[in-house]
Every structure is written in C-alpha cells, then in structure tokens.
Amino acid sequence: MQPDQGLPQPQRTWAILTVFCGLIMAVLDGSIANIALPSISRALETDPARTIWVVNAYQLTVTVCLLPLSSLGDILGYKRVYRAGLATFLAGSVLCALAVNLPMLVAARVLQGVGGAGIMSVNTALVRYIYPPTKLGRGIGLNALVVGVTIAVGPSLGALILAVSSWPWLFAVNIPVAFAALAISRTALPETPAQPRDFDYPSAGLSAIVFGMFILGLDALGHAPLRLAGAAGLAGAVGLGWVLVRRQHGRAAPLVPIDLFASRAFTLAVGTSFCSFMTQMLAFVSLPFYLEYQLGRSLQETGLLITPWPLMVAAMAALSGRLSDRYPASILAGVGLAALSAGLVGLAMLGKDATSLDIAWRTALCGIGFGFFQSPNNRAMIGATPRERSGGASGAQATTRLLGQTTGTAVVALLFSLRPEGAARGALCVAASVAAIGAAISLSRLRDERNEHNERGARKAPSSEPVEPDA
C-alpha cells in the first residue's frame, strides 16, 4: 500500500466495513441503554436514580480515554489500537450481558467505554489511510452517514429488542458483530506507521481527571443542591487543564494535541464542531418537552415528528462528503449551520395551532443543515493535520463531539432548573444562537482556504518565460 493512495479494492471495502462495524457498536451503546433503564432497575432491584450510572459510566469513560488512546494510536499504529478497542468492547459486552447486579453492570460498562474509546479515538485516522486524498470526503461522509443512521435507529432497535427479549440482549447483540469485525480487521485494515516514543502516563492521568471533573461539574450545574459543587468542579478542571496544557508545550507529539491548534484551519474546525454538537444536543433534549408540553403532542407523535432530523442527517451526510472533495468546507459547513439555525428559529416560533407538517419540515431542515455541515467540517479538520498526527486529530474530533453534546445537555438541565415553564423554547433559542455562531466561524475560514488554493496554484503553475523555438 502506498500511504498516500489509500487501499486498493476490494480491501478498501472490507476495511471500511470493519471500521463501520466498530463505530456502529460504539455509538449505539452510548444511547441504546437509555430506553432499558426502567427494565434494568426492576430486574436488578435497584433505585432508578442509581441506574442512570449504566449510561453515565460508559459516556464518562469514553470521554476521558479518547485523547490518551488516540496518542497511543500514533505511537503503536492505529490498527493495533482499533483492534484492541474491539477486543475490549467485546469483553465488556459479554460481562454486561452476564451482570447480575448493578455494580457488576456499571463496571462492565466502564470496560465497554474503554473499548468504545479505542474504536472512536482512531476511527477517522483509519479512514484517512483507507481512502486516497481525492476521495477522503467521500469516506468521511460515509462515516457520518453510519453515525446518523445509528442514532436514528438506536431507540427503535432498543425497543424492538426489549419487546422480544430481556435487557441483557441489548449488549449480547454486540458479540457476533465484534467477533466478525475482529476477524475481518486482521487482514483488511491498513498497517499504519508507528512512531516509537514513550507514552506520557502522567499527562494521560491528568487528562482523565480534567475531563472527568469538567463533565461531572457540568452535570451538577443542572441540579440546584449540587450547583456549588459543580462550579467548584469546573473551576478545578480549568486550573488542572492549564497545568496540563503547560505540560504539553514543547513536546513533538503531545497527548493533548495543542500542536495541531497552531493551525488556524484546525482550530476553527474544532470550534465549529463544538458549536454544532452543542446545538444538536440542546435541541434533542429539549424538543420532546417542547412538542409534548407546549405544542400538546402525544408521545408517539413526538417520536415521529423528531424522526425527520436524523433521517435527513443520514441522507445528506454522504452527499456533503462527496461535495467536500470539490468545494470549500467553509461554505458547505457554514450554509449547513445557517440552515440548522433557521430550522431551530422556525421551531421556536411555532404556536399551539401548528400542524404536523409545520413541525416536520422544520425538523427536516435542521437535519439537512446538520448533515450538510458534518462531513465537510470533519474533512477540513482531519485534512488540516499532518498524516503522522492523524490519531491526535481523530481523538480531538471525537472529544469535541462528546464535550459539545455534554455541554448542550447541561445547559438544558440548567435552563429547566432556573425556569421550568419556558425552558424548552429557551433551549431552542439558545441552540439557534449557537448554530449561528458556528456558521459565522465556519464562513470566516473562506479567506484562508482561498489563500491556500492560490498558493497551491502558484506552486503548480508552469514557467511564464518564453520557450525558444526548435532549431
């Protein structure tokens, strides 16, 4: 394999299939357990409030492990980290299915989270080696398509499994998929170059503490009795984060990829990504309350009216990925976030006399906007980094997504605790504002992209000196 030309067919197809298998499991298990929490609480005879840690343990573990494992991918090679993540996720799934009490289940979910982080931390880096540069946008678009479809079908798949079997099968279904992905990945995935160096264990531990304190602090802000503790946790995260960043300065390949932020294109892509995922979670958490309590829709109607969003994300992701191979990411992503903001404004302005069509086309516009944004922005983020730092970029991409989602959820919880009666509509307005900020950030990249394009053209231009005629 020539490292800058991707994999030949049919190896490319098998490689991307095994990457998608892991991604589907990692994304699905981040949400599929939500619907089973009441069943788990009853089956394990435990307090429903404690059962929420079945979800929190997985999400928290994934977030704190992403950057250390992406750094390990740079050191050992992305294939090794990905396959180790698959194996760990498989072991965690087996233990989840066999759990007989809540502590055992939560511990198994932590193990699953380590595996999920191993999968997601190098996912985009592997896509960069599977596809040639001219088709990178297509590969990233397919990646986004898989995520969109998984998010869309996750709740329905969970409900279907619970309708025909018990909650352990939510985790047992991963076992054959993980086995198949492990078998295929052995020969299908590209052997990416390793960069032998020492792993920064102190920074890895400090990074886990910083992100853990940040996430728990944000979550505590939404609960009045814990608000002071949450603020203290956030302050501690900021202080330790400063220490962590200072520790990374001067390193050739830091665990926290601060070297990549020297690129303005990468920094703006990260900022835009954070805004988009914060917007998405603000809307996803508040929309059910808005549709049911303020627009008077039933639970079934609410589910159907939200569905156009993830469906449009899935439909647009592959198209926008192809377009990103030809057109500037700043324009594609900026237009997408502007459409998302317009859709959210339209939803927030609805009255109680709104028809189902009024709601559905607005949620569809939100999905079109988000789907149009995601693939070009991800391509710009990964394309702004050296190939040997693809792991750091991939980890930063996944970490940004999770931090944006966590922040969005925390803001909704805070709004509900401060003003319950108007919180849902307020959250949609905040989401529209954040999306508009993201659109402005994205469009600000256009000048840089034009300058870069002109510089490449100048380097490739033939000499303008007259050519002597042949004698």
Protein backbone atom coordinates (compact mmCIF):
# COMPACT_ATOMS: atom_id res chain seq x y z
CA MET A 1 0.00 0.00 0.00
CA GLN A 2 1.24 3.48 -0.88
CA PRO A 3 0.36 5.53 2.23
CA ASP A 4 -0.92 8.50 0.22
CA GLN A 5 -3.11 6.46 -2.14
CA GLY A 6 -5.35 4.52 0.22
CA LEU A 7 -6.16 0.84 -0.08
CA PRO A 8 -6.89 -1.00 -3.33
CA GLN A 9 -10.22 -2.69 -3.94
CA PRO A 10 -11.63 -4.98 -2.58
CA GLN A 11 -9.50 -4.44 0.55
CA ARG A 12 -10.84 -0.90 0.87
CA THR A 13 -14.43 -2.18 1.07
CA TRP A 14 -13.60 -4.78 3.73
CA ALA A 15 -11.57 -2.25 5.72
CA ILE A 16 -14.30 0.37 5.80
CA LEU A 17 -16.87 -2.31 6.72
CA THR A 18 -14.91 -3.36 9.79
CA VAL A 19 -14.43 0.31 10.77
CA PHE A 20 -18.16 0.86 10.44
CA CYS A 21 -18.97 -2.24 12.50
CA GLY A 22 -16.95 -0.90 15.41
CA LEU A 23 -18.34 2.61 15.02
CA ILE A 24 -21.94 1.36 14.99
CA MET A 25 -21.43 -0.58 18.22
CA ALA A 26 -19.62 2.26 19.99
CA VAL A 27 -22.23 4.89 19.02
CA LEU A 28 -25.20 2.58 19.61
CA ASP A 29 -24.12 1.60 23.11
CA GLY A 30 -23.86 5.25 24.04
CA SER A 31 -27.65 5.59 23.79
CA ILE A 32 -29.36 2.21 23.49
CA ALA A 33 -29.19 1.57 27.25
CA ASN A 34 -31.29 4.69 27.96
CA ILE A 35 -34.51 3.01 26.94
CA ALA A 36 -33.76 -0.03 29.11
CA LEU A 37 -33.08 1.80 32.39
CA PRO A 38 -36.54 1.10 33.86
CA SER A 39 -36.25 -2.60 32.93
CA ILE A 40 -32.73 -2.81 34.38
CA SER A 41 -33.86 -1.09 37.57
CA ARG A 42 -36.68 -3.59 38.07
CA ALA A 43 -34.64 -6.66 37.11
CA LEU A 44 -31.69 -5.78 39.37
CA GLU A 45 -33.96 -4.43 42.13
CA THR A 46 -32.12 -1.14 42.42
CA ASP A 47 -33.01 2.53 42.78
CA PRO A 48 -33.80 4.17 39.39
CA ALA A 49 -31.61 7.17 40.30
CA ARG A 50 -28.59 4.89 40.72
CA THR A 51 -29.39 3.05 37.48
CA ILE A 52 -28.51 6.17 35.47
CA TRP A 53 -24.85 5.23 36.03
CA VAL A 54 -25.34 2.47 33.47
CA VAL A 55 -25.36 5.32 30.92
CA ASN A 56 -23.03 7.76 32.70
CA ALA A 57 -20.26 5.20 33.29
CA TYR A 58 -19.98 4.49 29.56
CA GLN A 59 -20.11 8.11 28.41
CA LEU A 60 -17.66 9.33 31.04
CA THR A 61 -15.17 6.54 30.36
CA VAL A 62 -15.25 7.12 26.61
CA THR A 63 -14.64 10.85 27.03
CA VAL A 64 -11.69 10.59 29.44
CA CYS A 65 -9.98 7.83 27.41
CA LEU A 66 -10.23 9.32 23.91
CA LEU A 67 -7.12 11.53 23.89
CA PRO A 68 -4.79 9.05 25.67
CA LEU A 69 -5.83 6.26 23.28
CA SER A 70 -5.50 8.47 20.20
CA SER A 71 -1.95 9.28 21.35
CA LEU A 72 -1.33 5.57 21.77
CA GLY A 73 -2.57 5.11 18.21
CA ASP A 74 0.13 7.48 16.95
CA ILE A 75 2.74 5.52 18.91
CA LEU A 76 1.67 1.91 18.19
CA GLY A 77 -0.26 2.28 14.94
CA TYR A 78 -3.99 2.86 14.52
CA LYS A 79 -4.78 -0.72 13.55
CA ARG A 80 -3.41 -2.13 16.82
CA VAL A 81 -5.35 0.34 18.97
CA TYR A 82 -8.54 -0.21 16.96
CA ARG A 83 -8.35 -4.00 17.26
CA ALA A 84 -7.53 -3.76 20.97
CA GLY A 85 -10.56 -1.50 21.35
CA LEU A 86 -12.74 -4.04 19.56
CA ALA A 87 -11.50 -6.87 21.79
CA THR A 88 -12.05 -4.80 24.96
CA PHE A 89 -15.51 -3.77 23.79
CA LEU A 90 -16.33 -7.42 23.13
CA ALA A 91 -15.22 -8.44 26.62
CA GLY A 92 -17.26 -5.60 28.14
CA SER A 93 -20.34 -6.63 26.17
CA VAL A 94 -20.07 -10.22 27.41
CA LEU A 95 -19.77 -9.04 31.02
CA CYS A 96 -22.71 -6.63 30.60
CA ALA A 97 -24.91 -9.45 29.34
CA LEU A 98 -23.87 -11.66 32.29
CA ALA A 99 -24.20 -8.97 35.00
CA VAL A 100 -26.33 -10.00 37.99
CA ASN A 101 -26.21 -6.74 39.97
CA LEU A 102 -25.77 -3.02 39.33
CA PRO A 103 -22.11 -2.69 40.44
CA MET A 104 -21.11 -5.53 38.09
CA LEU A 105 -23.06 -3.94 35.23
CA VAL A 106 -21.54 -0.49 35.81
CA ALA A 107 -18.02 -1.99 35.97
CA ALA A 108 -18.69 -3.83 32.70
CA ARG A 109 -19.92 -0.59 31.13
CA VAL A 110 -16.63 1.08 32.16
CA LEU A 111 -14.76 -1.70 30.34
CA GLN A 112 -17.06 -1.22 27.35
CA GLY A 113 -16.29 2.50 27.47
CA VAL A 114 -12.55 1.84 27.28
CA GLY A 115 -13.18 -0.31 24.21
CA GLY A 116 -15.51 2.26 22.67
CA ALA A 117 -12.86 4.95 23.16
CA GLY A 118 -10.27 2.72 21.48
CA ILE A 119 -12.60 2.38 18.49
CA MET A 120 -13.59 6.04 18.21
CA SER A 121 -10.17 7.52 19.01
CA VAL A 122 -8.59 6.25 15.77
CA ASN A 123 -11.69 5.85 13.62
CA THR A 124 -11.17 8.91 11.42
CA ALA A 125 -7.41 8.33 11.30
CA LEU A 126 -8.02 4.89 9.77
CA VAL A 127 -10.45 6.35 7.23
CA ARG A 128 -7.64 8.70 6.14
CA TYR A 129 -5.43 5.69 5.34
CA ILE A 130 -8.21 3.64 3.75
CA TYR A 131 -9.21 6.29 1.18
CA PRO A 132 -6.94 8.29 -1.15
CA PRO A 133 -6.88 12.08 -0.58
CA THR A 134 -9.13 12.72 -3.58
CA LYS A 135 -11.87 10.57 -2.01
CA LEU A 136 -11.33 11.41 1.65
CA GLY A 137 -14.51 13.49 1.79
CA ARG A 138 -16.49 10.52 0.49
CA GLY A 139 -15.07 8.27 3.21
CA ILE A 140 -15.76 10.78 5.95
CA GLY A 141 -19.25 11.31 4.53
CA LEU A 142 -19.96 7.60 4.75
CA ASN A 143 -18.64 7.70 8.30
CA ALA A 144 -21.12 10.45 9.16
CA LEU A 145 -23.88 8.53 7.36
CA VAL A 146 -23.26 5.50 9.58
CA VAL A 147 -23.37 7.65 12.71
CA GLY A 148 -26.58 9.35 11.58
CA VAL A 149 -28.37 6.10 10.77
CA THR A 150 -27.20 4.53 14.04
CA ILE A 151 -28.52 7.45 16.07
CA ALA A 152 -31.80 7.35 14.13
CA VAL A 153 -32.48 3.64 14.61
CA GLY A 154 -30.96 3.29 18.10
CA PRO A 155 -34.09 3.90 20.19
CA SER A 156 -36.28 1.82 17.85
CA LEU A 157 -33.77 -1.04 17.86
CA GLY A 158 -33.58 -0.95 21.65
CA ALA A 159 -37.37 -1.01 21.95
CA LEU A 160 -37.56 -3.92 19.48
CA ILE A 161 -35.01 -5.97 21.40
CA LEU A 162 -36.82 -5.33 24.69
CA ALA A 163 -40.14 -6.29 23.09
CA VAL A 164 -38.92 -9.79 22.24
CA SER A 165 -36.30 -10.45 24.94
CA SER A 166 -34.76 -9.14 28.16
CA TRP A 167 -32.31 -6.26 28.70
CA PRO A 168 -29.07 -8.36 28.62
CA TRP A 169 -29.67 -8.89 24.91
CA LEU A 170 -29.07 -5.17 24.33
CA PHE A 171 -25.40 -5.97 24.99
CA ALA A 172 -25.31 -9.56 23.76
CA VAL A 173 -26.14 -8.45 20.19
CA ASN A 174 -22.67 -6.86 20.04
CA ILE A 175 -20.89 -10.18 20.48
CA PRO A 176 -21.24 -11.69 16.97
CA VAL A 177 -20.66 -8.29 15.33
CA ALA A 178 -17.47 -7.70 17.35
CA PHE A 179 -16.20 -11.20 16.57
CA ALA A 180 -16.79 -10.66 12.84
CA ALA A 181 -15.13 -7.23 12.90
CA LEU A 182 -12.08 -8.62 14.71
CA ALA A 183 -11.72 -11.43 12.18
CA ILE A 184 -12.02 -9.12 9.17
CA SER A 185 -9.79 -6.40 10.61
CA ARG A 186 -6.78 -8.68 10.91
CA THR A 187 -6.12 -8.61 7.17
CA ALA A 188 -8.34 -5.78 5.90
CA LEU A 189 -7.17 -2.79 7.93
CA PRO A 190 -4.11 -0.86 6.72
CA GLU A 191 -0.83 -1.17 8.59
CA THR A 192 -0.21 2.44 9.56
CA PRO A 193 3.27 3.63 10.50
CA ALA A 194 4.13 3.55 14.21
CA GLN A 195 6.09 6.36 15.86
CA PRO A 196 8.08 4.74 18.66
CA ARG A 197 8.30 7.00 21.70
CA ASP A 198 7.40 6.87 25.37
CA PHE A 199 3.74 7.14 26.33
CA ASP A 200 3.09 10.12 28.61
CA TYR A 201 1.40 8.37 31.55
CA PRO A 202 1.28 11.42 33.90
CA SER A 203 -0.41 13.52 31.22
CA ALA A 204 -2.84 10.71 30.45
CA GLY A 205 -3.87 10.52 34.10
CA LEU A 206 -4.12 14.30 34.41
CA SER A 207 -6.18 14.45 31.20
CA ALA A 208 -8.65 11.88 32.60
CA ILE A 209 -9.03 13.91 35.81
CA VAL A 210 -9.56 17.19 33.91
CA PHE A 211 -12.24 15.82 31.58
CA GLY A 212 -13.90 13.84 34.36
CA MET A 213 -14.14 16.93 36.59
CA PHE A 214 -15.40 19.02 33.68
CA ILE A 215 -18.18 16.61 32.75
CA LEU A 216 -19.30 15.92 36.32
CA GLY A 217 -19.16 19.64 37.09
CA LEU A 218 -21.34 20.48 34.10
CA ASP A 219 -23.83 17.78 35.05
CA ALA A 220 -24.02 19.08 38.64
CA LEU A 221 -24.94 22.60 37.46
CA GLY A 222 -28.37 21.30 36.42
CA HIS A 223 -29.19 20.20 39.98
CA ALA A 224 -29.80 23.03 42.45
CA PRO A 225 -28.37 21.24 45.54
CA LEU A 226 -25.18 20.38 43.64
CA ARG A 227 -24.69 23.68 41.83
CA LEU A 228 -21.94 24.97 44.12
CA ALA A 229 -20.07 21.66 43.91
CA GLY A 230 -20.46 21.75 40.13
CA ALA A 231 -18.98 25.24 39.91
CA ALA A 232 -16.07 24.13 42.10
CA GLY A 233 -15.53 21.11 39.85
CA LEU A 234 -15.47 23.29 36.73
CA ALA A 235 -13.01 25.69 38.37
CA GLY A 236 -10.80 22.76 39.32
CA ALA A 237 -10.99 21.40 35.78
CA VAL A 238 -9.92 24.77 34.37
CA GLY A 239 -6.99 25.02 36.79
CA LEU A 240 -5.75 21.49 36.18
CA GLY A 241 -6.37 21.95 32.46
CA TRP A 242 -3.99 24.91 32.47
CA VAL A 243 -1.37 22.73 34.19
CA LEU A 244 -1.96 20.01 31.59
CA VAL A 245 -1.57 22.38 28.65
CA ARG A 246 1.61 23.86 30.14
CA ARG A 247 2.97 20.33 30.49
CA GLN A 248 2.34 19.66 26.81
CA HIS A 249 4.26 22.67 25.49
CA GLY A 250 7.47 21.84 23.68
CA ARG A 251 6.60 18.17 23.05
CA ALA A 252 6.88 16.94 19.47
CA ALA A 253 3.62 14.97 19.64
CA PRO A 254 1.74 15.96 22.80
CA LEU A 255 -1.02 13.77 24.23
CA VAL A 256 -3.34 16.76 24.26
CA PRO A 257 -2.88 17.84 20.63
CA ILE A 258 -2.08 21.50 21.29
CA ASP A 259 0.40 21.41 18.41
CA LEU A 260 -2.49 20.95 15.99
CA PHE A 261 -4.15 24.12 17.26
CA ALA A 262 -1.25 26.07 15.77
CA SER A 263 -3.19 25.56 12.52
CA ARG A 264 -5.96 28.15 12.27
CA ALA A 265 -7.92 25.84 9.96
CA PHE A 266 -7.88 23.06 12.56
CA THR A 267 -8.78 25.43 15.42
CA LEU A 268 -11.75 26.91 13.58
CA ALA A 269 -12.96 23.45 12.51
CA VAL A 270 -12.85 22.31 16.15
CA GLY A 271 -14.73 25.41 17.30
CA THR A 272 -17.38 24.93 14.63
CA SER A 273 -17.74 21.25 15.54
CA PHE A 274 -18.23 22.07 19.23
CA CYS A 275 -20.96 24.58 18.36
CA SER A 276 -22.74 22.10 16.11
CA PHE A 277 -22.84 19.22 18.59
CA MET A 278 -23.82 21.53 21.43
CA THR A 279 -26.66 22.76 19.22
CA GLN A 280 -27.72 19.21 18.35
CA MET A 281 -27.93 18.10 21.97
CA LEU A 282 -29.69 21.28 23.10
CA ALA A 283 -32.36 20.53 20.52
CA PHE A 284 -32.56 16.75 21.01
CA VAL A 285 -33.04 17.04 24.77
CA SER A 286 -35.50 19.95 24.70
CA LEU A 287 -37.63 19.02 21.66
CA PRO A 288 -39.60 16.18 23.34
CA PHE A 289 -40.58 18.54 26.20
CA TYR A 290 -41.39 21.32 23.73
CA LEU A 291 -43.57 19.16 21.49
CA GLU A 292 -45.41 17.41 24.32
CA TYR A 293 -45.86 20.17 26.90
CA GLN A 294 -46.06 23.30 24.77
CA LEU A 295 -47.50 22.04 21.48
CA GLY A 296 -49.68 19.32 23.02
CA ARG A 297 -48.40 16.34 21.04
CA SER A 298 -48.58 12.73 22.23
CA LEU A 299 -45.50 10.62 22.93
CA GLN A 300 -45.96 8.71 19.66
CA GLU A 301 -46.45 11.89 17.64
CA THR A 302 -43.38 13.44 19.24
CA GLY A 303 -41.22 10.49 18.21
CA LEU A 304 -42.47 10.65 14.62
CA LEU A 305 -42.06 14.43 14.35
CA ILE A 306 -38.43 14.32 15.56
CA THR A 307 -37.52 11.43 13.21
CA PRO A 308 -37.03 13.63 10.09
CA TRP A 309 -33.97 15.19 11.77
CA PRO A 310 -31.72 12.08 12.00
CA LEU A 311 -33.09 10.74 8.71
CA MET A 312 -32.08 13.93 6.88
CA VAL A 313 -28.67 13.85 8.59
CA ALA A 314 -28.17 10.34 7.24
CA ALA A 315 -29.41 11.31 3.77
CA MET A 316 -27.22 14.41 3.48
CA ALA A 317 -24.00 13.10 5.06
CA ALA A 318 -22.80 11.08 2.07
CA LEU A 319 -23.75 13.83 -0.43
CA SER A 320 -21.99 16.56 1.51
CA GLY A 321 -18.95 14.30 1.88
CA ARG A 322 -18.67 13.99 -1.90
CA LEU A 323 -19.16 17.73 -2.34
CA SER A 324 -16.39 18.43 0.19
CA ASP A 325 -13.90 16.80 -2.18
CA ARG A 326 -14.69 19.58 -4.69
CA TYR A 327 -15.90 22.68 -2.83
CA PRO A 328 -14.61 24.70 0.18
CA ALA A 329 -15.60 23.25 3.55
CA SER A 330 -16.15 26.75 4.92
CA ILE A 331 -19.05 27.40 2.55
CA LEU A 332 -20.64 23.94 2.82
CA ALA A 333 -20.39 23.83 6.62
CA GLY A 334 -21.41 27.47 7.02
CA VAL A 335 -24.51 27.07 4.87
CA GLY A 336 -25.37 23.88 6.75
CA LEU A 337 -25.20 25.54 10.17
CA ALA A 338 -27.15 28.55 8.88
CA ALA A 339 -29.90 26.17 7.73
CA LEU A 340 -29.81 24.43 11.13
CA SER A 341 -30.16 27.78 12.90
CA ALA A 342 -33.08 28.77 10.63
CA GLY A 343 -34.86 25.48 11.32
CA LEU A 344 -34.49 25.94 15.09
CA VAL A 345 -35.77 29.52 14.92
CA GLY A 346 -38.76 28.25 12.97
CA LEU A 347 -39.46 25.59 15.60
CA ALA A 348 -39.16 28.07 18.48
CA MET A 349 -41.71 30.41 16.84
CA LEU A 350 -44.43 27.77 16.47
CA GLY A 351 -47.75 28.21 18.26
CA LYS A 352 -50.16 25.61 19.61
CA ASP A 353 -52.11 25.65 16.33
CA ALA A 354 -49.07 24.36 14.38
CA THR A 355 -49.79 21.38 12.12
CA SER A 356 -47.69 18.24 11.95
CA LEU A 357 -46.40 19.41 8.57
CA ASP A 358 -45.31 22.73 10.11
CA ILE A 359 -43.22 20.84 12.65
CA ALA A 360 -41.92 18.09 10.36
CA TRP A 361 -40.46 20.32 7.65
CA ARG A 362 -38.67 22.40 10.27
CA THR A 363 -37.09 19.36 11.94
CA ALA A 364 -36.19 18.09 8.45
CA LEU A 365 -34.48 21.44 7.69
CA CYS A 366 -32.49 21.08 10.92
CA GLY A 367 -31.38 17.60 9.84
CA ILE A 368 -30.46 18.78 6.35
CA GLY A 369 -28.39 21.60 7.82
CA PHE A 370 -26.57 19.41 10.32
CA GLY A 371 -25.94 16.68 7.73
CA PHE A 372 -24.64 19.23 5.24
CA PHE A 373 -22.26 20.61 7.85
CA GLN A 374 -20.79 17.49 9.42
CA SER A 375 -18.83 15.77 6.64
CA PRO A 376 -17.12 18.88 5.14
CA ASN A 377 -16.11 20.12 8.59
CA ASN A 378 -14.71 16.73 9.62
CA ARG A 379 -12.78 16.57 6.36
CA ALA A 380 -11.36 20.05 6.95
CA MET A 381 -10.35 19.10 10.49
CA ILE A 382 -8.52 15.91 9.53
CA GLY A 383 -7.11 17.47 6.35
CA ALA A 384 -5.50 20.32 8.29
CA THR A 385 -3.18 17.93 10.16
CA PRO A 386 -0.05 16.01 9.12
CA ARG A 387 -0.68 12.33 8.35
CA GLU A 388 1.53 11.24 11.23
CA ARG A 389 -0.74 13.19 13.63
CA SER A 390 -3.98 11.70 12.32
CA GLY A 391 -4.52 9.95 15.65
CA GLY A 392 -4.37 13.20 17.57
CA ALA A 393 -6.80 14.80 15.11
CA SER A 394 -9.16 11.83 15.29
CA GLY A 395 -9.13 11.90 19.09
CA ALA A 396 -9.70 15.67 19.15
CA GLN A 397 -12.61 15.26 16.75
CA ALA A 398 -14.34 12.64 18.89
CA THR A 399 -13.59 14.52 22.13
CA THR A 400 -15.02 17.73 20.70
CA ARG A 401 -18.21 15.90 19.72
CA LEU A 402 -18.70 14.43 23.18
CA LEU A 403 -17.86 17.67 25.00
CA GLY A 404 -20.28 19.60 22.79
CA GLN A 405 -23.04 17.08 23.48
CA THR A 406 -22.31 17.11 27.23
CA THR A 407 -22.36 20.92 27.33
CA GLY A 408 -25.65 21.04 25.43
CA THR A 409 -27.29 18.59 27.83
CA ALA A 410 -26.01 20.52 30.85
CA VAL A 411 -27.34 23.83 29.51
CA VAL A 412 -30.81 22.32 29.02
CA ALA A 413 -30.78 20.94 32.56
CA LEU A 414 -29.70 24.35 33.90
CA LEU A 415 -32.48 26.13 31.99
CA PHE A 416 -35.10 23.71 33.34
CA SER A 417 -33.86 24.21 36.90
CA LEU A 418 -33.99 28.03 36.56
CA ARG A 419 -37.27 28.47 34.65
CA PRO A 420 -39.18 25.23 34.01
CA GLU A 421 -42.17 26.75 32.19
CA GLY A 422 -40.23 28.30 29.31
CA ALA A 423 -37.07 26.20 29.35
CA ALA A 424 -37.78 24.10 26.24
CA ARG A 425 -38.45 27.10 23.98
CA GLY A 426 -35.50 28.92 25.55
CA ALA A 427 -33.21 25.96 24.84
CA LEU A 428 -34.24 26.05 21.16
CA CYS A 429 -33.41 29.76 21.02
CA VAL A 430 -30.02 29.15 22.63
CA ALA A 431 -29.42 26.30 20.15
CA ALA A 432 -30.26 28.57 17.20
CA SER A 433 -27.84 31.22 18.51
CA VAL A 434 -25.01 28.71 18.98
CA ALA A 435 -25.58 27.36 15.44
CA ALA A 436 -25.45 30.90 14.04
CA ILE A 437 -22.14 31.49 15.86
CA GLY A 438 -20.84 28.23 14.37
CA ALA A 439 -21.91 29.35 10.88
CA ALA A 440 -20.03 32.63 11.30
CA ILE A 441 -16.90 30.79 12.49
CA SER A 442 -17.11 28.44 9.52
CA LEU A 443 -17.53 31.19 6.94
CA SER A 444 -14.54 33.02 8.43
CA ARG A 445 -12.36 30.21 7.06
CA LEU A 446 -13.12 31.11 3.44
CA ARG A 447 -10.30 33.66 3.09
CA ASP A 448 -7.74 31.16 4.44
CA GLU A 449 -8.98 28.48 2.02
CA ARG A 450 -8.75 30.86 -0.93
CA ASN A 451 -5.22 31.90 0.03
CA GLU A 452 -4.16 28.26 0.37
CA HIS A 453 -5.73 27.44 -3.00
CA ASN A 454 -3.92 30.35 -4.66
CA GLU A 455 -0.60 29.31 -3.12
CA ARG A 456 -1.00 25.76 -4.41
CA GLY A 457 -1.87 27.11 -7.85
CA ALA A 458 1.19 29.33 -7.88
CA ARG A 459 3.45 26.41 -6.97
CA LYS A 460 1.99 24.27 -9.76
CA ALA A 461 1.90 26.98 -12.43
CA PRO A 462 4.25 26.48 -15.40
CA SER A 463 7.03 28.95 -16.02
CA SER A 464 5.94 32.10 -17.82
CA GLU A 465 9.30 32.53 -19.57
CA PRO A 466 9.18 32.31 -23.42
CA VAL A 467 10.18 28.98 -24.87
CA GLU A 468 12.89 29.03 -27.57
CA PRO A 469 11.66 27.57 -30.87
CA ASP A 470 13.22 24.33 -32.00
CA ALA A 471 16.02 24.69 -34.45
